[in-house]
Amino acid sequence: MAHARRHDELEGRIDLRLLLPIIALVALGVVMVASSSIALAEAQTSDPWYYLNRHLVFLAVGVSAGWLFTRVELSRLEAVGQGWLWLSLLLLLVVFMPGLGRTVNGATRWINLGFFGFQAVEAVKLALVLYLAGYMVRQGHAVMLSFAGAMKPIIAVVLMLALLLLQPDFGSAVLLVAITIGMVWLAGARLRYLGLLGVFLLPGLAWAALSESYRLKRLISFMDPWKDPFADGFQLTQALIAIGRGEWFGVGLGGSVQKLFYLPEAHTDFILAVLAEELGFAGLLAVIGLFAWLTARAFFVGFRCLQLGLRFAGYCAFGVALWIATQSMFSIGVNMGLLPTKGLTLPLISSGGSSLIMTCAALGLLLRCSRELDRAERKGAVASAEAEGEGDSGADFEREVPA
């Protein structure tokens, strides 16, 4: 009975190899928000630390949300089931409700909470991961064996895409598609099914990208930003100038010139360009390395969870890994002129409220997955040790009793 009680009382431990890159990225984000926003904050508010203080407040809220997710049993989140899907659709609809939704720069993406505007799609990303993880557990065989099984979650995401394009938010729409297809593939869907899905989805995304004049201008300026460097290509050319000035080891922390009212959104969407200017190619490689470390470890946790039968935890880990990897790749690509401008922040580094809070919450979910994985591994080790001990005792007894 004592052995059984100790077995049940085992608690999982958080994976330090997941926590370390998260801490490093958060610390780097605090430093870069302070450096990239100081001139703008002083000009706008007379307080040079305005954006840094704001970032720290949202970071505290995000860390609290992440800590809460590390304390919640995944079985409770799994039990919500399709409720995560309905929550996602509800959040995307609320932004269009008078008095609750808020429009900024022609985009209706925010829910007015009074003290700040919450961007609904950031919560939708997390809810989508939880919904898809539950779906893969419930319908895993259908996803692997039939086109209809793989198609059902895509249909749900198409409804979200329609609402996102009405806001409009093309960048987040592409990100949700990437997360969904990645999770469906990791759940075992056949490539030919995903190919058929691509036949329907890609033309729709291409039409959405070209149907709005501002998106078309972004695409044209991306292809040749130097053709019109003082108008449509201004933001990208200034980012490329910042990255070029950094050379190998940067001009020094705080020494960026481009952040001084040349580069728009220097502390949010284009913070990586300022980082590259101040810390150089070495700093850029460090950021990419930290994201690669975090993503690789998250995928390892996911695969290990599936091996031990923790399917919901495994798919949650996959979903968060795909989210962080895809969004960071998009942001880095935009800053370096490899992708058209999409308005996506660099996770944990860019200044932002909703994005930072929900990214921390998602990483809390990932740490919870690692905690339940560790608990399962330790319980397995204890059970094996107890079984081996009982076997040894039996063998000793047989040796002591004469034939």
Protein backbone atom coordinates (compact mmCIF):
# COMPACT_ATOMS: atom_id res chain seq x y z
CA MET A 1 0.00 0.00 0.00
CA ALA A 2 2.88 2.37 0.80
CA HIS A 3 4.40 1.70 -2.61
CA ALA A 4 1.04 2.36 -4.31
CA ARG A 5 0.53 5.59 -2.39
CA ARG A 6 3.99 6.88 -3.36
CA HIS A 7 3.25 5.88 -6.92
CA ASP A 8 0.07 7.98 -7.01
CA GLU A 9 1.71 10.96 -5.33
CA LEU A 10 4.43 11.33 -7.97
CA GLU A 11 4.34 14.76 -9.58
CA GLY A 12 5.74 15.70 -12.93
CA ARG A 13 8.62 18.14 -13.25
CA ILE A 14 8.92 20.92 -15.80
CA ASP A 15 11.46 20.29 -18.55
CA LEU A 16 14.38 22.71 -18.04
CA ARG A 17 15.45 22.19 -21.64
CA LEU A 18 12.14 23.78 -22.61
CA LEU A 19 12.23 26.47 -19.96
CA LEU A 20 15.75 27.76 -20.70
CA PRO A 21 15.14 28.96 -24.30
CA ILE A 22 11.84 30.51 -23.18
CA ILE A 23 13.59 32.49 -20.44
CA ALA A 24 16.35 33.54 -22.85
CA LEU A 25 13.85 34.79 -25.45
CA VAL A 26 11.81 36.66 -22.82
CA ALA A 27 14.94 38.36 -21.44
CA LEU A 28 16.10 39.29 -24.92
CA GLY A 29 12.65 40.67 -25.67
CA VAL A 30 12.70 42.94 -22.61
CA VAL A 31 16.10 44.33 -23.60
CA MET A 32 15.13 44.91 -27.23
CA VAL A 33 11.76 46.50 -26.44
CA ALA A 34 13.57 48.96 -24.17
CA SER A 35 16.19 49.71 -26.81
CA SER A 36 13.90 49.93 -29.84
CA SER A 37 11.11 52.00 -28.25
CA ILE A 38 12.92 54.56 -26.11
CA ALA A 39 13.04 57.36 -28.71
CA LEU A 40 9.46 56.81 -29.89
CA ALA A 41 8.12 56.63 -26.33
CA GLU A 42 9.83 59.85 -25.33
CA ALA A 43 8.48 61.66 -28.38
CA GLN A 44 4.93 60.39 -27.91
CA THR A 45 4.53 60.42 -24.13
CA SER A 46 7.61 62.21 -22.67
CA ASP A 47 8.30 58.94 -20.82
CA PRO A 48 11.18 57.04 -22.47
CA TRP A 49 10.20 53.83 -20.63
CA TYR A 50 6.50 53.92 -21.53
CA TYR A 51 6.57 50.95 -23.94
CA LEU A 52 8.97 49.00 -21.73
CA ASN A 53 6.73 49.41 -18.68
CA ARG A 54 3.71 48.43 -20.76
CA HIS A 55 5.59 45.38 -22.04
CA LEU A 56 6.53 44.34 -18.50
CA VAL A 57 2.91 44.60 -17.33
CA PHE A 58 1.69 42.39 -20.17
CA LEU A 59 4.59 40.02 -19.55
CA ALA A 60 3.54 39.68 -15.91
CA VAL A 61 -0.03 38.89 -17.00
CA GLY A 62 1.28 36.41 -19.57
CA VAL A 63 3.56 34.66 -17.08
CA SER A 64 0.61 34.36 -14.68
CA ALA A 65 -1.53 32.84 -17.46
CA GLY A 66 1.27 30.45 -18.37
CA TRP A 67 1.69 29.41 -14.73
CA LEU A 68 -2.04 28.67 -14.50
CA PHE A 69 -1.81 26.39 -17.54
CA THR A 70 1.07 24.48 -15.93
CA ARG A 71 -1.23 23.74 -12.98
CA VAL A 72 -4.28 22.50 -14.93
CA GLU A 73 -4.61 18.80 -15.69
CA LEU A 74 -4.77 18.28 -19.45
CA SER A 75 -7.70 15.92 -18.99
CA ARG A 76 -9.81 18.93 -17.96
CA LEU A 77 -8.85 20.84 -21.10
CA GLU A 78 -9.53 17.78 -23.23
CA ALA A 79 -12.99 17.41 -21.69
CA VAL A 80 -14.07 20.77 -23.16
CA GLY A 81 -13.96 19.09 -26.59
CA GLN A 82 -15.67 21.04 -29.36
CA GLY A 83 -16.25 23.89 -26.94
CA TRP A 84 -12.84 25.24 -27.99
CA LEU A 85 -14.09 25.50 -31.58
CA TRP A 86 -17.24 27.39 -30.59
CA LEU A 87 -15.17 29.69 -28.37
CA SER A 88 -12.92 30.49 -31.34
CA LEU A 89 -15.82 31.35 -33.60
CA LEU A 90 -17.47 33.41 -30.85
CA LEU A 91 -14.30 35.46 -30.28
CA LEU A 92 -13.99 36.18 -33.99
CA LEU A 93 -17.63 37.29 -34.12
CA VAL A 94 -17.44 39.52 -31.05
CA VAL A 95 -15.05 41.95 -32.77
CA PHE A 96 -17.88 42.92 -35.15
CA MET A 97 -20.35 43.69 -32.36
CA PRO A 98 -20.93 47.43 -31.75
CA GLY A 99 -19.56 48.53 -28.41
CA LEU A 100 -17.39 45.44 -28.02
CA GLY A 101 -15.34 45.45 -31.20
CA ARG A 102 -12.75 48.11 -31.90
CA THR A 103 -11.36 49.25 -35.26
CA VAL A 104 -7.76 50.47 -35.58
CA ASN A 105 -6.26 51.63 -38.89
CA GLY A 106 -9.18 50.17 -40.82
CA ALA A 107 -8.91 46.70 -39.22
CA THR A 108 -11.58 45.33 -36.87
CA ARG A 109 -9.55 42.85 -34.84
CA TRP A 110 -9.81 43.98 -31.24
CA ILE A 111 -12.23 43.41 -28.36
CA ASN A 112 -12.56 46.50 -26.23
CA LEU A 113 -11.83 45.55 -22.61
CA GLY A 114 -11.74 49.14 -21.40
CA PHE A 115 -8.15 49.33 -20.22
CA PHE A 116 -6.75 47.84 -23.46
CA GLY A 117 -7.84 46.24 -26.71
CA PHE A 118 -7.51 42.46 -26.82
CA GLN A 119 -6.78 40.96 -30.25
CA ALA A 120 -9.21 38.05 -30.51
CA VAL A 121 -7.18 35.96 -32.94
CA GLU A 122 -4.39 35.51 -30.38
CA ALA A 123 -6.76 33.58 -28.10
CA VAL A 124 -8.14 31.76 -31.14
CA LYS A 125 -4.68 30.32 -31.89
CA LEU A 126 -4.58 28.62 -28.49
CA ALA A 127 -8.21 27.49 -28.64
CA LEU A 128 -7.59 26.04 -32.12
CA VAL A 129 -4.63 24.00 -30.87
CA LEU A 130 -6.73 22.59 -28.02
CA TYR A 131 -9.66 21.81 -30.33
CA LEU A 132 -7.46 20.09 -32.93
CA ALA A 133 -5.62 18.08 -30.26
CA GLY A 134 -8.93 16.79 -28.91
CA TYR A 135 -10.18 16.04 -32.42
CA MET A 136 -7.04 14.02 -33.23
CA VAL A 137 -7.58 11.95 -30.09
CA ARG A 138 -11.27 11.33 -30.81
CA GLN A 139 -11.02 10.86 -34.57
CA GLY A 140 -7.43 9.71 -35.02
CA HIS A 141 -8.31 6.64 -37.09
CA ALA A 142 -10.64 8.62 -39.34
CA VAL A 143 -7.92 11.23 -39.95
CA MET A 144 -5.48 8.51 -41.00
CA LEU A 145 -7.84 6.42 -43.10
CA SER A 146 -10.33 8.75 -44.78
CA PHE A 147 -10.42 12.05 -46.62
CA ALA A 148 -13.55 13.07 -44.70
CA GLY A 149 -11.77 12.58 -41.38
CA ALA A 150 -8.94 14.87 -42.45
CA MET A 151 -11.35 17.37 -44.00
CA LYS A 152 -13.57 18.06 -40.97
CA PRO A 153 -11.09 20.20 -39.00
CA ILE A 154 -10.20 22.05 -42.21
CA ILE A 155 -13.87 23.00 -42.68
CA ALA A 156 -13.89 24.44 -39.16
CA VAL A 157 -10.78 26.47 -39.96
CA VAL A 158 -12.30 27.72 -43.21
CA LEU A 159 -15.08 29.35 -41.15
CA MET A 160 -12.41 31.07 -39.08
CA LEU A 161 -10.59 32.18 -42.23
CA ALA A 162 -13.73 33.79 -43.57
CA LEU A 163 -14.14 35.80 -40.37
CA LEU A 164 -10.44 36.74 -40.32
CA LEU A 165 -10.52 37.97 -43.90
CA LEU A 166 -13.50 40.17 -43.02
CA GLN A 167 -11.48 41.90 -40.28
CA PRO A 168 -9.12 41.79 -42.36
CA ASP A 169 -6.17 39.73 -41.04
CA PHE A 170 -4.56 37.76 -43.81
CA GLY A 171 -1.36 36.97 -41.88
CA SER A 172 -3.18 35.26 -39.03
CA ALA A 173 -5.36 33.38 -41.52
CA VAL A 174 -2.26 31.90 -43.16
CA LEU A 175 -0.84 31.02 -39.75
CA LEU A 176 -4.01 29.13 -38.72
CA VAL A 177 -3.92 27.19 -41.98
CA ALA A 178 -0.30 26.22 -41.37
CA ILE A 179 -1.01 25.06 -37.81
CA THR A 180 -4.05 23.02 -38.91
CA ILE A 181 -2.40 21.29 -41.85
CA GLY A 182 0.70 20.57 -39.77
CA MET A 183 -1.32 18.98 -36.96
CA VAL A 184 -3.44 16.95 -39.37
CA TRP A 185 -0.29 15.65 -41.06
CA LEU A 186 1.40 14.79 -37.74
CA ALA A 187 -1.76 12.90 -36.78
CA GLY A 188 -1.13 10.56 -39.71
CA ALA A 189 -3.22 11.99 -42.57
CA ARG A 190 -2.10 10.74 -45.95
CA LEU A 191 -0.20 13.14 -48.17
CA ARG A 192 -2.66 12.70 -51.02
CA TYR A 193 -5.45 13.95 -48.76
CA LEU A 194 -3.41 17.02 -47.87
CA GLY A 195 -2.67 17.50 -51.56
CA LEU A 196 -6.40 17.53 -52.31
CA LEU A 197 -6.91 20.05 -49.51
CA GLY A 198 -4.22 22.21 -51.06
CA VAL A 199 -6.05 22.19 -54.37
CA PHE A 200 -9.00 23.91 -52.65
CA LEU A 201 -7.17 26.10 -50.13
CA LEU A 202 -4.28 27.55 -52.12
CA PRO A 203 -6.39 29.20 -54.85
CA GLY A 204 -8.60 30.70 -52.14
CA LEU A 205 -5.62 32.13 -50.27
CA ALA A 206 -4.13 33.43 -53.51
CA TRP A 207 -7.39 35.17 -54.35
CA ALA A 208 -7.54 36.68 -50.86
CA ALA A 209 -3.97 37.93 -51.19
CA LEU A 210 -4.62 39.62 -54.54
CA SER A 211 -8.20 40.81 -54.08
CA GLU A 212 -7.36 43.77 -51.82
CA SER A 213 -5.34 46.65 -53.20
CA TYR A 214 -3.22 47.10 -50.07
CA ARG A 215 -2.21 43.42 -50.10
CA LEU A 216 -1.32 43.68 -53.77
CA LYS A 217 0.84 46.74 -53.02
CA ARG A 218 2.62 44.79 -50.28
CA LEU A 219 3.32 41.96 -52.70
CA ILE A 220 4.64 44.31 -55.40
CA SER A 221 6.82 46.24 -52.94
CA PHE A 222 8.14 42.97 -51.52
CA MET A 223 9.28 41.84 -54.97
CA ASP A 224 11.23 45.08 -55.55
CA PRO A 225 11.22 47.39 -52.50
CA TRP A 226 13.94 49.63 -53.97
CA LYS A 227 11.72 50.55 -56.89
CA ASP A 228 9.77 52.92 -54.63
CA PRO A 229 11.87 53.21 -51.44
CA PHE A 230 10.09 56.32 -50.13
CA ALA A 231 6.50 55.05 -50.46
CA ASP A 232 5.31 51.43 -50.70
CA GLY A 233 8.81 50.02 -50.22
CA PHE A 234 9.79 52.35 -47.37
CA GLN A 235 9.29 49.98 -44.43
CA LEU A 236 11.12 47.06 -46.02
CA THR A 237 14.02 49.14 -47.34
CA GLN A 238 14.55 50.69 -43.90
CA ALA A 239 14.54 47.22 -42.34
CA LEU A 240 17.11 46.00 -44.86
CA ILE A 241 19.27 49.06 -44.19
CA ALA A 242 19.13 48.31 -40.46
CA ILE A 243 20.13 44.67 -40.98
CA GLY A 244 22.93 45.71 -43.34
CA ARG A 245 24.32 48.25 -40.86
CA GLY A 246 24.64 45.54 -38.22
CA GLU A 247 27.19 43.55 -40.22
CA TRP A 248 28.75 40.73 -38.15
CA PHE A 249 28.53 41.97 -34.55
CA GLY A 250 26.29 45.04 -34.70
CA VAL A 251 26.73 48.71 -33.88
CA GLY A 252 26.20 48.05 -30.17
CA LEU A 253 23.16 47.79 -27.94
CA GLY A 254 21.22 51.07 -28.09
CA GLY A 255 23.19 52.31 -31.09
CA SER A 256 20.55 51.77 -33.78
CA VAL A 257 19.92 54.73 -36.08
CA GLN A 258 16.97 53.21 -37.95
CA LYS A 259 14.82 53.09 -34.81
CA LEU A 260 15.02 56.90 -34.63
CA PHE A 261 11.81 57.46 -36.61
CA TYR A 262 13.13 55.88 -39.84
CA LEU A 263 11.84 52.33 -39.39
CA PRO A 264 8.07 52.11 -38.72
CA GLU A 265 6.94 49.62 -36.05
CA ALA A 266 10.51 49.27 -34.81
CA HIS A 267 9.42 47.88 -31.42
CA THR A 268 6.71 45.54 -32.74
CA ASP A 269 6.64 43.93 -36.19
CA PHE A 270 10.18 45.00 -37.17
CA ILE A 271 12.00 44.61 -33.87
CA LEU A 272 14.23 41.93 -35.40
CA ALA A 273 15.69 44.48 -37.82
CA VAL A 274 16.69 46.69 -34.87
CA LEU A 275 18.15 43.65 -33.10
CA ALA A 276 20.19 42.79 -36.19
CA GLU A 277 21.43 46.39 -36.42
CA GLU A 278 22.52 46.51 -32.79
CA LEU A 279 23.70 42.91 -32.27
CA GLY A 280 24.64 42.02 -35.83
CA PHE A 281 24.57 38.71 -37.65
CA ALA A 282 25.69 36.98 -34.44
CA GLY A 283 22.63 38.27 -32.60
CA LEU A 284 20.37 37.23 -35.46
CA LEU A 285 21.80 33.71 -35.41
CA ALA A 286 21.31 33.56 -31.63
CA VAL A 287 17.61 34.40 -31.99
CA ILE A 288 17.11 31.83 -34.74
CA GLY A 289 19.01 29.27 -32.65
CA LEU A 290 16.82 29.88 -29.59
CA PHE A 291 13.63 29.43 -31.62
CA ALA A 292 15.07 26.29 -33.23
CA TRP A 293 15.98 24.91 -29.78
CA LEU A 294 12.52 25.64 -28.38
CA THR A 295 10.73 24.16 -31.40
CA ALA A 296 12.88 21.02 -31.56
CA ARG A 297 12.40 20.35 -27.85
CA ALA A 298 8.64 20.90 -28.16
CA PHE A 299 8.44 18.37 -31.01
CA PHE A 300 10.50 15.91 -28.94
CA VAL A 301 8.05 16.27 -26.04
CA GLY A 302 5.17 15.69 -28.46
CA PHE A 303 6.64 12.53 -29.97
CA ARG A 304 7.59 11.16 -26.55
CA CYS A 305 4.05 11.80 -25.27
CA LEU A 306 2.59 9.83 -28.16
CA GLN A 307 4.97 6.95 -27.43
CA LEU A 308 3.68 6.77 -23.85
CA GLY A 309 0.02 7.02 -24.90
CA LEU A 310 -0.46 10.66 -23.82
CA ARG A 311 -2.07 11.54 -27.12
CA PHE A 312 -3.78 14.80 -26.13
CA ALA A 313 -0.56 16.11 -24.56
CA GLY A 314 1.40 15.06 -27.64
CA TYR A 315 -0.86 16.86 -30.08
CA CYS A 316 -0.96 19.96 -27.87
CA ALA A 317 2.85 20.03 -27.90
CA PHE A 318 2.84 19.67 -31.68
CA GLY A 319 0.34 22.50 -32.04
CA VAL A 320 2.31 24.93 -29.87
CA ALA A 321 5.54 23.98 -31.65
CA LEU A 322 3.96 24.63 -35.06
CA TRP A 323 2.53 27.95 -33.82
CA ILE A 324 5.83 29.28 -32.44
CA ALA A 325 7.92 27.95 -35.34
CA THR A 326 5.62 29.22 -38.08
CA GLN A 327 5.01 32.66 -36.58
CA SER A 328 8.69 33.24 -35.82
CA MET A 329 9.60 32.08 -39.32
CA PHE A 330 7.08 34.49 -40.85
CA SER A 331 8.31 37.39 -38.72
CA ILE A 332 11.97 36.72 -39.45
CA GLY A 333 11.22 36.30 -43.16
CA VAL A 334 9.33 39.61 -43.29
CA ASN A 335 12.14 41.49 -41.53
CA MET A 336 14.73 40.07 -43.92
CA GLY A 337 12.70 40.70 -47.06
CA LEU A 338 12.06 37.02 -47.72
CA LEU A 339 8.27 37.25 -47.24
CA PRO A 340 5.68 39.98 -47.82
CA THR A 341 4.66 42.06 -44.81
CA LYS A 342 2.02 40.21 -42.74
CA GLY A 343 1.76 42.16 -39.48
CA LEU A 344 2.81 39.25 -37.24
CA THR A 345 4.89 39.85 -34.14
CA LEU A 346 8.05 37.94 -33.21
CA PRO A 347 6.94 35.68 -30.31
CA LEU A 348 8.21 36.73 -26.86
CA ILE A 349 10.42 39.49 -28.31
CA SER A 350 8.12 42.02 -29.98
CA SER A 351 6.26 44.55 -27.85
CA GLY A 352 2.61 43.64 -27.68
CA GLY A 353 -0.25 42.93 -25.32
CA SER A 354 -2.52 40.17 -26.65
CA SER A 355 0.24 38.38 -28.53
CA LEU A 356 2.61 38.29 -25.56
CA ILE A 357 -0.07 37.15 -23.10
CA MET A 358 -1.37 34.32 -25.28
CA THR A 359 2.10 33.19 -26.33
CA CYS A 360 3.02 32.84 -22.65
CA ALA A 361 -0.23 30.94 -22.05
CA ALA A 362 0.57 28.59 -24.95
CA LEU A 363 4.06 27.97 -23.59
CA GLY A 364 2.49 27.26 -20.20
CA LEU A 365 0.40 24.60 -21.93
CA LEU A 366 3.58 23.20 -23.50
CA LEU A 367 5.30 23.09 -20.11
CA ARG A 368 2.23 21.29 -18.73
CA CYS A 369 2.65 18.68 -21.47
CA SER A 370 6.29 18.19 -20.46
CA ARG A 371 5.22 17.92 -16.81
CA GLU A 372 2.68 15.17 -17.51
CA LEU A 373 5.26 13.41 -19.70
CA ASP A 374 7.78 13.44 -16.85
CA ARG A 375 5.13 12.16 -14.44
CA ALA A 376 4.28 9.28 -16.77
CA GLU A 377 7.96 8.41 -17.24
CA ARG A 378 8.65 8.47 -13.48
CA LYS A 379 5.57 6.36 -12.71
CA GLY A 380 6.71 3.88 -15.35
CA ALA A 381 10.18 3.76 -13.85
CA VAL A 382 8.78 3.23 -10.32
CA ALA A 383 6.44 0.48 -11.53
CA SER A 384 9.31 -1.25 -13.33
CA ALA A 385 11.53 -1.01 -10.27
CA GLU A 386 8.78 -2.43 -8.02
CA ALA A 387 8.13 -5.29 -10.46
CA GLU A 388 11.83 -6.04 -10.67
CA GLY A 389 12.12 -5.94 -6.88
CA GLU A 390 9.23 -8.37 -6.45
CA GLY A 391 10.79 -10.65 -9.03
CA ASP A 392 14.14 -10.62 -7.22
CA SER A 393 12.42 -11.35 -3.87
CA GLY A 394 10.65 -14.31 -5.39
CA ALA A 395 13.88 -15.65 -6.83
CA ASP A 396 15.65 -15.28 -3.47
CA PHE A 397 12.81 -17.13 -1.72
CA GLU A 398 13.09 -20.01 -4.17
CA ARG A 399 16.81 -20.24 -3.57
CA GLU A 400 16.32 -20.30 0.23
CA VAL A 401 13.65 -23.08 0.25
CA PRO A 402 15.17 -26.54 -0.23
CA ALA A 403 13.80 -28.64 -3.05
